[in-house]
Amino acid sequence: MPLEGGGERIADEAYITESIMDPLAAVHRGFPRVMPSYLGQVPPPDIAAIIELIKSIRDVPRGLVVPWDGGVPGSATPEGVTP
């Protein structure tokens, strides 16, 4: 994947772990720098569980993913969207 500031990186387990602990270390080009750091807040077994979850859903066909409409979960239905 392309990185902000140049270069590329493989989105492997090491990258995911680093992104959770230090999200500004290697930011994917085109994505905002908004994720907080979870350093010291998420124990290693939980990081491993998150990685396993990501691996389990990575092969889900893209057509099954519903595009985000910009709304906030639990908020009013966006105008023009049928619930």
PDB file of N, CA and C in Angstrom:
ATOM      1  N   MET A   1       0.839  -1.171   0.000  1.00  0.00           N
ATOM      2  CA  MET A   1       0.000   0.000   0.000  1.00  0.00           C
ATOM      3  C   MET A   1       0.886   1.236   0.000  1.00  0.00           C
ATOM      4  N   PRO A   2       0.454   2.283  -0.648  1.00  0.00           N
ATOM      5  CA  PRO A   2       1.255   3.512  -0.698  1.00  0.00           C
ATOM      6  C   PRO A   2       1.176   4.271   0.628  1.00  0.00           C
ATOM      7  N   LEU A   3       2.308   4.823   1.045  1.00  0.00           N
ATOM      8  CA  LEU A   3       2.366   5.560   2.298  1.00  0.00           C
ATOM      9  C   LEU A   3       2.414   7.058   2.071  1.00  0.00           C
ATOM     10  N   GLU A   4       1.830   7.770   3.002  1.00  0.00           N
ATOM     11  CA  GLU A   4       1.911   9.226   3.008  1.00  0.00           C
ATOM     12  C   GLU A   4       3.391   9.594   3.100  1.00  0.00           C
ATOM     13  N   GLY A   5       3.837  10.503   2.295  1.00  0.00           N
ATOM     14  CA  GLY A   5       5.240  10.897   2.313  1.00  0.00           C
ATOM     15  C   GLY A   5       6.138  10.053   1.425  1.00  0.00           C
ATOM     16  N   GLY A   6       5.552   9.053   0.746  1.00  0.00           N
ATOM     17  CA  GLY A   6       6.322   8.218  -0.162  1.00  0.00           C
ATOM     18  C   GLY A   6       6.608   6.841   0.398  1.00  0.00           C
ATOM     19  N   GLY A   7       6.951   5.957  -0.487  1.00  0.00           N
ATOM     20  CA  GLY A   7       7.243   4.586  -0.103  1.00  0.00           C
ATOM     21  C   GLY A   7       5.996   3.720  -0.079  1.00  0.00           C
ATOM     22  N   GLU A   8       6.223   2.444   0.177  1.00  0.00           N
ATOM     23  CA  GLU A   8       5.124   1.490   0.232  1.00  0.00           C
ATOM     24  C   GLU A   8       5.359   0.542   1.390  1.00  0.00           C
ATOM     25  N   ARG A   9       4.304  -0.116   1.798  1.00  0.00           N
ATOM     26  CA  ARG A   9       4.386  -1.068   2.905  1.00  0.00           C
ATOM     27  C   ARG A   9       3.347  -2.154   2.682  1.00  0.00           C
ATOM     28  N   ILE A  10       3.673  -3.361   3.087  1.00  0.00           N
ATOM     29  CA  ILE A  10       2.715  -4.459   3.036  1.00  0.00           C
ATOM     30  C   ILE A  10       1.864  -4.385   4.296  1.00  0.00           C
ATOM     31  N   ALA A  11       0.554  -4.492   4.133  1.00  0.00           N
ATOM     32  CA  ALA A  11      -0.361  -4.436   5.277  1.00  0.00           C
ATOM     33  C   ALA A  11      -0.445  -5.812   5.923  1.00  0.00           C
ATOM     34  N   ASP A  12       0.642  -6.180   6.612  1.00  0.00           N
ATOM     35  CA  ASP A  12       0.710  -7.477   7.267  1.00  0.00           C
ATOM     36  C   ASP A  12       0.423  -7.325   8.766  1.00  0.00           C
ATOM     37  N   GLU A  13       0.624  -8.406   9.512  1.00  0.00           N
ATOM     38  CA  GLU A  13       0.343  -8.375  10.951  1.00  0.00           C
ATOM     39  C   GLU A  13       1.177  -7.328  11.678  1.00  0.00           C
ATOM     40  N   ALA A  14       2.430  -7.177  11.274  1.00  0.00           N
ATOM     41  CA  ALA A  14       3.304  -6.184  11.912  1.00  0.00           C
ATOM     42  C   ALA A  14       2.773  -4.770  11.672  1.00  0.00           C
ATOM     43  N   TYR A  15       2.310  -4.495  10.451  1.00  0.00           N
ATOM     44  CA  TYR A  15       1.773  -3.171  10.141  1.00  0.00           C
ATOM     45  C   TYR A  15       0.502  -2.902  10.946  1.00  0.00           C
ATOM     46  N   ILE A  16      -0.377  -3.895  11.026  1.00  0.00           N
ATOM     47  CA  ILE A  16      -1.627  -3.708  11.772  1.00  0.00           C
ATOM     48  C   ILE A  16      -1.322  -3.438  13.244  1.00  0.00           C
ATOM     49  N   THR A  17      -0.420  -4.215  13.812  1.00  0.00           N
ATOM     50  CA  THR A  17      -0.042  -4.015  15.212  1.00  0.00           C
ATOM     51  C   THR A  17       0.531  -2.620  15.422  1.00  0.00           C
ATOM     52  N   GLU A  18       1.453  -2.221  14.535  1.00  0.00           N
ATOM     53  CA  GLU A  18       2.045  -0.883  14.638  1.00  0.00           C
ATOM     54  C   GLU A  18       0.985   0.196  14.494  1.00  0.00           C
ATOM     55  N   SER A  19       0.033  -0.011  13.598  1.00  0.00           N
ATOM     56  CA  SER A  19      -1.010   0.987  13.359  1.00  0.00           C
ATOM     57  C   SER A  19      -1.927   1.164  14.564  1.00  0.00           C
ATOM     58  N   ILE A  20      -2.127   0.091  15.321  1.00  0.00           N
ATOM     59  CA  ILE A  20      -2.951   0.186  16.528  1.00  0.00           C
ATOM     60  C   ILE A  20      -2.178   0.899  17.636  1.00  0.00           C
ATOM     61  N   MET A  21      -0.895   0.563  17.768  1.00  0.00           N
ATOM     62  CA  MET A  21      -0.084   1.127  18.848  1.00  0.00           C
ATOM     63  C   MET A  21       0.458   2.525  18.538  1.00  0.00           C
ATOM     64  N   ASP A  22       0.833   2.760  17.288  1.00  0.00           N
ATOM     65  CA  ASP A  22       1.416   4.039  16.870  1.00  0.00           C
ATOM     66  C   ASP A  22       0.885   4.385  15.476  1.00  0.00           C
ATOM     67  N   PRO A  23      -0.379   4.806  15.406  1.00  0.00           N
ATOM     68  CA  PRO A  23      -1.039   4.980  14.104  1.00  0.00           C
ATOM     69  C   PRO A  23      -0.414   6.022  13.176  1.00  0.00           C
ATOM     70  N   LEU A  24       0.413   6.889  13.689  1.00  0.00           N
ATOM     71  CA  LEU A  24       1.034   7.899  12.829  1.00  0.00           C
ATOM     72  C   LEU A  24       2.387   7.458  12.288  1.00  0.00           C
ATOM     73  N   ALA A  25       2.830   6.260  12.645  1.00  0.00           N
ATOM     74  CA  ALA A  25       4.144   5.773  12.204  1.00  0.00           C
ATOM     75  C   ALA A  25       4.187   5.532  10.703  1.00  0.00           C
ATOM     76  N   ALA A  26       3.116   5.003  10.137  1.00  0.00           N
ATOM     77  CA  ALA A  26       3.066   4.711   8.700  1.00  0.00           C
ATOM     78  C   ALA A  26       1.617   4.860   8.245  1.00  0.00           C
ATOM     79  N   VAL A  27       1.275   6.031   7.734  1.00  0.00           N
ATOM     80  CA  VAL A  27      -0.103   6.335   7.350  1.00  0.00           C
ATOM     81  C   VAL A  27      -0.312   6.049   5.868  1.00  0.00           C
ATOM     82  N   HIS A  28      -1.373   5.329   5.566  1.00  0.00           N
ATOM     83  CA  HIS A  28      -1.742   5.021   4.183  1.00  0.00           C
ATOM     84  C   HIS A  28      -2.056   6.327   3.469  1.00  0.00           C
ATOM     85  N   ARG A  29      -1.436   6.512   2.297  1.00  0.00           N
ATOM     86  CA  ARG A  29      -1.642   7.735   1.517  1.00  0.00           C
ATOM     87  C   ARG A  29      -3.129   7.933   1.233  1.00  0.00           C
ATOM     88  N   GLY A  30      -3.610   9.138   1.447  1.00  0.00           N
ATOM     89  CA  GLY A  30      -4.996   9.481   1.163  1.00  0.00           C
ATOM     90  C   GLY A  30      -5.931   9.328   2.348  1.00  0.00           C
ATOM     91  N   PHE A  31      -5.437   8.780   3.452  1.00  0.00           N
ATOM     92  CA  PHE A  31      -6.271   8.623   4.635  1.00  0.00           C
ATOM     93  C   PHE A  31      -5.905   9.697   5.656  1.00  0.00           C
ATOM     94  N   PRO A  32      -6.897  10.244   6.351  1.00  0.00           N
ATOM     95  CA  PRO A  32      -6.593  11.280   7.340  1.00  0.00           C
ATOM     96  C   PRO A  32      -5.880  10.705   8.561  1.00  0.00           C
ATOM     97  N   ARG A  33      -5.147  11.548   9.246  1.00  0.00           N
ATOM     98  CA  ARG A  33      -4.411  11.149  10.461  1.00  0.00           C
ATOM     99  C   ARG A  33      -5.319  11.366  11.668  1.00  0.00           C
ATOM    100  N   VAL A  34      -6.300  10.499  11.855  1.00  0.00           N
ATOM    101  CA  VAL A  34      -7.275  10.704  12.923  1.00  0.00           C
ATOM    102  C   VAL A  34      -7.326   9.591  13.966  1.00  0.00           C
ATOM    103  N   MET A  35      -6.696   8.463  13.707  1.00  0.00           N
ATOM    104  CA  MET A  35      -6.785   7.353  14.647  1.00  0.00           C
ATOM    105  C   MET A  35      -5.932   7.622  15.884  1.00  0.00           C
ATOM    106  N   PRO A  36      -6.517   7.431  17.074  1.00  0.00           N
ATOM    107  CA  PRO A  36      -5.734   7.608  18.298  1.00  0.00           C
ATOM    108  C   PRO A  36      -4.815   6.411  18.538  1.00  0.00           C
ATOM    109  N   SER A  37      -3.830   6.596  19.381  1.00  0.00           N
ATOM    110  CA  SER A  37      -2.934   5.502  19.758  1.00  0.00           C
ATOM    111  C   SER A  37      -3.588   4.672  20.864  1.00  0.00           C
ATOM    112  N   TYR A  38      -3.414   3.367  20.775  1.00  0.00           N
ATOM    113  CA  TYR A  38      -3.914   2.473  21.813  1.00  0.00           C
ATOM    114  C   TYR A  38      -2.754   1.833  22.574  1.00  0.00           C
ATOM    115  N   LEU A  39      -1.577   2.452  22.496  1.00  0.00           N
ATOM    116  CA  LEU A  39      -0.389   1.964  23.180  1.00  0.00           C
ATOM    117  C   LEU A  39      -0.669   1.871  24.681  1.00  0.00           C
ATOM    118  N   GLY A  40      -0.437   0.697  25.245  1.00  0.00           N
ATOM    119  CA  GLY A  40      -0.658   0.483  26.663  1.00  0.00           C
ATOM    120  C   GLY A  40      -2.097   0.237  27.062  1.00  0.00           C
ATOM    121  N   GLN A  41      -3.022   0.310  26.099  1.00  0.00           N
ATOM    122  CA  GLN A  41      -4.442   0.133  26.399  1.00  0.00           C
ATOM    123  C   GLN A  41      -4.987  -1.198  25.899  1.00  0.00           C
ATOM    124  N   VAL A  42      -4.323  -1.781  24.918  1.00  0.00           N
ATOM    125  CA  VAL A  42      -4.783  -3.043  24.341  1.00  0.00           C
ATOM    126  C   VAL A  42      -3.701  -4.096  24.570  1.00  0.00           C
ATOM    127  N   PRO A  43      -4.008  -5.127  25.361  1.00  0.00           N
ATOM    128  CA  PRO A  43      -2.995  -6.156  25.631  1.00  0.00           C
ATOM    129  C   PRO A  43      -2.716  -7.009  24.399  1.00  0.00           C
ATOM    130  N   PRO A  44      -1.518  -7.591  24.319  1.00  0.00           N
ATOM    131  CA  PRO A  44      -1.137  -8.399  23.149  1.00  0.00           C
ATOM    132  C   PRO A  44      -2.148  -9.471  22.736  1.00  0.00           C
ATOM    133  N   PRO A  45      -2.795 -10.183  23.673  1.00  0.00           N
ATOM    134  CA  PRO A  45      -3.788 -11.174  23.233  1.00  0.00           C
ATOM    135  C   PRO A  45      -4.963 -10.539  22.479  1.00  0.00           C
ATOM    136  N   ASP A  46      -5.335  -9.325  22.877  1.00  0.00           N
ATOM    137  CA  ASP A  46      -6.428  -8.637  22.182  1.00  0.00           C
ATOM    138  C   ASP A  46      -5.991  -8.163  20.803  1.00  0.00           C
ATOM    139  N   ILE A  47      -4.732  -7.723  20.680  1.00  0.00           N
ATOM    140  CA  ILE A  47      -4.200  -7.342  19.359  1.00  0.00           C
ATOM    141  C   ILE A  47      -4.239  -8.553  18.441  1.00  0.00           C
ATOM    142  N   ALA A  48      -3.810  -9.709  18.961  1.00  0.00           N
ATOM    143  CA  ALA A  48      -3.823 -10.942  18.163  1.00  0.00           C
ATOM    144  C   ALA A  48      -5.250 -11.289  17.737  1.00  0.00           C
ATOM    145  N   ALA A  49      -6.225 -11.082  18.620  1.00  0.00           N
ATOM    146  CA  ALA A  49      -7.625 -11.365  18.288  1.00  0.00           C
ATOM    147  C   ALA A  49      -8.134 -10.413  17.202  1.00  0.00           C
ATOM    148  N   ILE A  50      -7.753  -9.150  17.279  1.00  0.00           N
ATOM    149  CA  ILE A  50      -8.152  -8.170  16.254  1.00  0.00           C
ATOM    150  C   ILE A  50      -7.571  -8.580  14.903  1.00  0.00           C
ATOM    151  N   ILE A  51      -6.311  -8.968  14.900  1.00  0.00           N
ATOM    152  CA  ILE A  51      -5.659  -9.387  13.653  1.00  0.00           C
ATOM    153  C   ILE A  51      -6.355 -10.620  13.080  1.00  0.00           C
ATOM    154  N   GLU A  52      -6.697 -11.570  13.922  1.00  0.00           N
ATOM    155  CA  GLU A  52      -7.401 -12.772  13.449  1.00  0.00           C
ATOM    156  C   GLU A  52      -8.768 -12.414  12.878  1.00  0.00           C
ATOM    157  N   LEU A  53      -9.471 -11.459  13.499  1.00  0.00           N
ATOM    158  CA  LEU A  53     -10.762 -11.012  12.969  1.00  0.00           C
ATOM    159  C   LEU A  53     -10.579 -10.400  11.581  1.00  0.00           C
ATOM    160  N   ILE A  54      -9.594  -9.535  11.440  1.00  0.00           N
ATOM    161  CA  ILE A  54      -9.330  -8.902  10.144  1.00  0.00           C
ATOM    162  C   ILE A  54      -9.016  -9.964   9.090  1.00  0.00           C
ATOM    163  N   LYS A  55      -8.190 -10.935   9.455  1.00  0.00           N
ATOM    164  CA  LYS A  55      -7.840 -12.005   8.514  1.00  0.00           C
ATOM    165  C   LYS A  55      -9.073 -12.817   8.128  1.00  0.00           C
ATOM    166  N   SER A  56     -10.002 -12.994   9.054  1.00  0.00           N
ATOM    167  CA  SER A  56     -11.187 -13.807   8.773  1.00  0.00           C
ATOM    168  C   SER A  56     -12.160 -13.110   7.834  1.00  0.00           C
ATOM    169  N   ILE A  57     -12.121 -11.785   7.777  1.00  0.00           N
ATOM    170  CA  ILE A  57     -13.073 -11.066   6.924  1.00  0.00           C
ATOM    171  C   ILE A  57     -12.438 -10.478   5.672  1.00  0.00           C
ATOM    172  N   ARG A  58     -11.133 -10.652   5.488  1.00  0.00           N
ATOM    173  CA  ARG A  58     -10.464 -10.022   4.346  1.00  0.00           C
ATOM    174  C   ARG A  58     -10.924 -10.561   3.000  1.00  0.00           C
ATOM    175  N   ASP A  59     -11.465 -11.771   2.973  1.00  0.00           N
ATOM    176  CA  ASP A  59     -11.896 -12.355   1.708  1.00  0.00           C
ATOM    177  C   ASP A  59     -13.395 -12.232   1.457  1.00  0.00           C
ATOM    178  N   VAL A  60     -14.072 -11.403   2.246  1.00  0.00           N
ATOM    179  CA  VAL A  60     -15.498 -11.170   2.025  1.00  0.00           C
ATOM    180  C   VAL A  60     -15.656 -10.418   0.710  1.00  0.00           C
ATOM    181  N   PRO A  61     -16.510 -10.908  -0.203  1.00  0.00           N
ATOM    182  CA  PRO A  61     -16.694 -10.213  -1.483  1.00  0.00           C
ATOM    183  C   PRO A  61     -17.091  -8.755  -1.267  1.00  0.00           C
ATOM    184  N   ARG A  62     -16.484  -7.872  -2.025  1.00  0.00           N
ATOM    185  CA  ARG A  62     -16.719  -6.434  -1.871  1.00  0.00           C
ATOM    186  C   ARG A  62     -18.186  -6.049  -2.053  1.00  0.00           C
ATOM    187  N   GLY A  63     -18.916  -6.789  -2.854  1.00  0.00           N
ATOM    188  CA  GLY A  63     -20.322  -6.473  -3.084  1.00  0.00           C
ATOM    189  C   GLY A  63     -21.189  -6.611  -1.850  1.00  0.00           C
ATOM    190  N   LEU A  64     -20.683  -7.304  -0.833  1.00  0.00           N
ATOM    191  CA  LEU A  64     -21.447  -7.491   0.394  1.00  0.00           C
ATOM    192  C   LEU A  64     -21.262  -6.343   1.376  1.00  0.00           C
ATOM    193  N   VAL A  65     -20.321  -5.462   1.099  1.00  0.00           N
ATOM    194  CA  VAL A  65     -20.048  -4.346   1.985  1.00  0.00           C
ATOM    195  C   VAL A  65     -20.908  -3.168   1.553  1.00  0.00           C
ATOM    196  N   VAL A  66     -21.635  -2.612   2.503  1.00  0.00           N
ATOM    197  CA  VAL A  66     -22.495  -1.470   2.218  1.00  0.00           C
ATOM    198  C   VAL A  66     -21.684  -0.191   2.413  1.00  0.00           C
ATOM    199  N   PRO A  67     -21.650   0.694   1.405  1.00  0.00           N
ATOM    200  CA  PRO A  67     -20.889   1.935   1.545  1.00  0.00           C
ATOM    201  C   PRO A  67     -21.404   2.772   2.713  1.00  0.00           C
ATOM    202  N   TRP A  68     -20.486   3.407   3.413  1.00  0.00           N
ATOM    203  CA  TRP A  68     -20.845   4.283   4.528  1.00  0.00           C
ATOM    204  C   TRP A  68     -21.520   5.522   3.977  1.00  0.00           C
ATOM    205  N   ASP A  69     -22.625   5.916   4.592  1.00  0.00           N
ATOM    206  CA  ASP A  69     -23.379   7.070   4.112  1.00  0.00           C
ATOM    207  C   ASP A  69     -22.982   8.358   4.821  1.00  0.00           C
ATOM    208  N   GLY A  70     -22.032   8.281   5.720  1.00  0.00           N
ATOM    209  CA  GLY A  70     -21.589   9.469   6.435  1.00  0.00           C
ATOM    210  C   GLY A  70     -22.335   9.703   7.731  1.00  0.00           C
ATOM    211  N   GLY A  71     -23.377   8.929   7.976  1.00  0.00           N
ATOM    212  CA  GLY A  71     -24.139   9.090   9.201  1.00  0.00           C
ATOM    213  C   GLY A  71     -23.441   8.464  10.390  1.00  0.00           C
ATOM    214  N   VAL A  72     -23.928   8.800  11.549  1.00  0.00           N
ATOM    215  CA  VAL A  72     -23.394   8.255  12.791  1.00  0.00           C
ATOM    216  C   VAL A  72     -24.323   7.146  13.254  1.00  0.00           C
ATOM    217  N   PRO A  73     -23.785   5.964  13.560  1.00  0.00           N
ATOM    218  CA  PRO A  73     -24.641   4.881  14.028  1.00  0.00           C
ATOM    219  C   PRO A  73     -25.508   5.325  15.191  1.00  0.00           C
ATOM    220  N   GLY A  74     -26.777   4.989  15.113  1.00  0.00           N
ATOM    221  CA  GLY A  74     -27.707   5.343  16.179  1.00  0.00           C
ATOM    222  C   GLY A  74     -28.304   6.724  16.031  1.00  0.00           C
ATOM    223  N   SER A  75     -27.885   7.464  14.997  1.00  0.00           N
ATOM    224  CA  SER A  75     -28.430   8.804  14.796  1.00  0.00           C
ATOM    225  C   SER A  75     -29.603   8.729  13.827  1.00  0.00           C
ATOM    226  N   ALA A  76     -30.182   9.839  13.557  1.00  0.00           N
ATOM    227  CA  ALA A  76     -31.304   9.901  12.629  1.00  0.00           C
ATOM    228  C   ALA A  76     -30.883   9.398  11.251  1.00  0.00           C
ATOM    229  N   THR A  77     -31.823   8.850  10.520  1.00  0.00           N
ATOM    230  CA  THR A  77     -31.554   8.358   9.174  1.00  0.00           C
ATOM    231  C   THR A  77     -31.211   9.531   8.260  1.00  0.00           C
ATOM    232  N   PRO A  78     -30.102   9.445   7.497  1.00  0.00           N
ATOM    233  CA  PRO A  78     -29.748  10.529   6.576  1.00  0.00           C
ATOM    234  C   PRO A  78     -30.865  10.768   5.552  1.00  0.00           C
ATOM    235  N   GLU A  79     -31.008  11.998   5.150  1.00  0.00           N
ATOM    236  CA  GLU A  79     -32.036  12.367   4.184  1.00  0.00           C
ATOM    237  C   GLU A  79     -31.858  11.589   2.887  1.00  0.00           C
ATOM    238  N   GLY A  80     -32.963  11.051   2.360  1.00  0.00           N
ATOM    239  CA  GLY A  80     -32.939  10.328   1.104  1.00  0.00           C
ATOM    240  C   GLY A  80     -32.580   8.864   1.247  1.00  0.00           C
ATOM    241  N   VAL A  81     -32.355   8.404   2.469  1.00  0.00           N
ATOM    242  CA  VAL A  81     -32.008   7.006   2.706  1.00  0.00           C
ATOM    243  C   VAL A  81     -33.191   6.319   3.368  1.00  0.00           C
ATOM    244  N   THR A  82     -33.582   5.191   2.819  1.00  0.00           N
ATOM    245  CA  THR A  82     -34.683   4.431   3.396  1.00  0.00           C
ATOM    246  C   THR A  82     -34.112   3.428   4.391  1.00  0.00           C
ATOM    247  N   PRO A  83     -34.592   3.451   5.626  1.00  0.00           N
ATOM    248  CA  PRO A  83     -34.064   2.506   6.623  1.00  0.00           C
ATOM    249  C   PRO A  83     -34.403   1.073   6.292  1.00  0.00           C
TER     250      PRO A  83
END
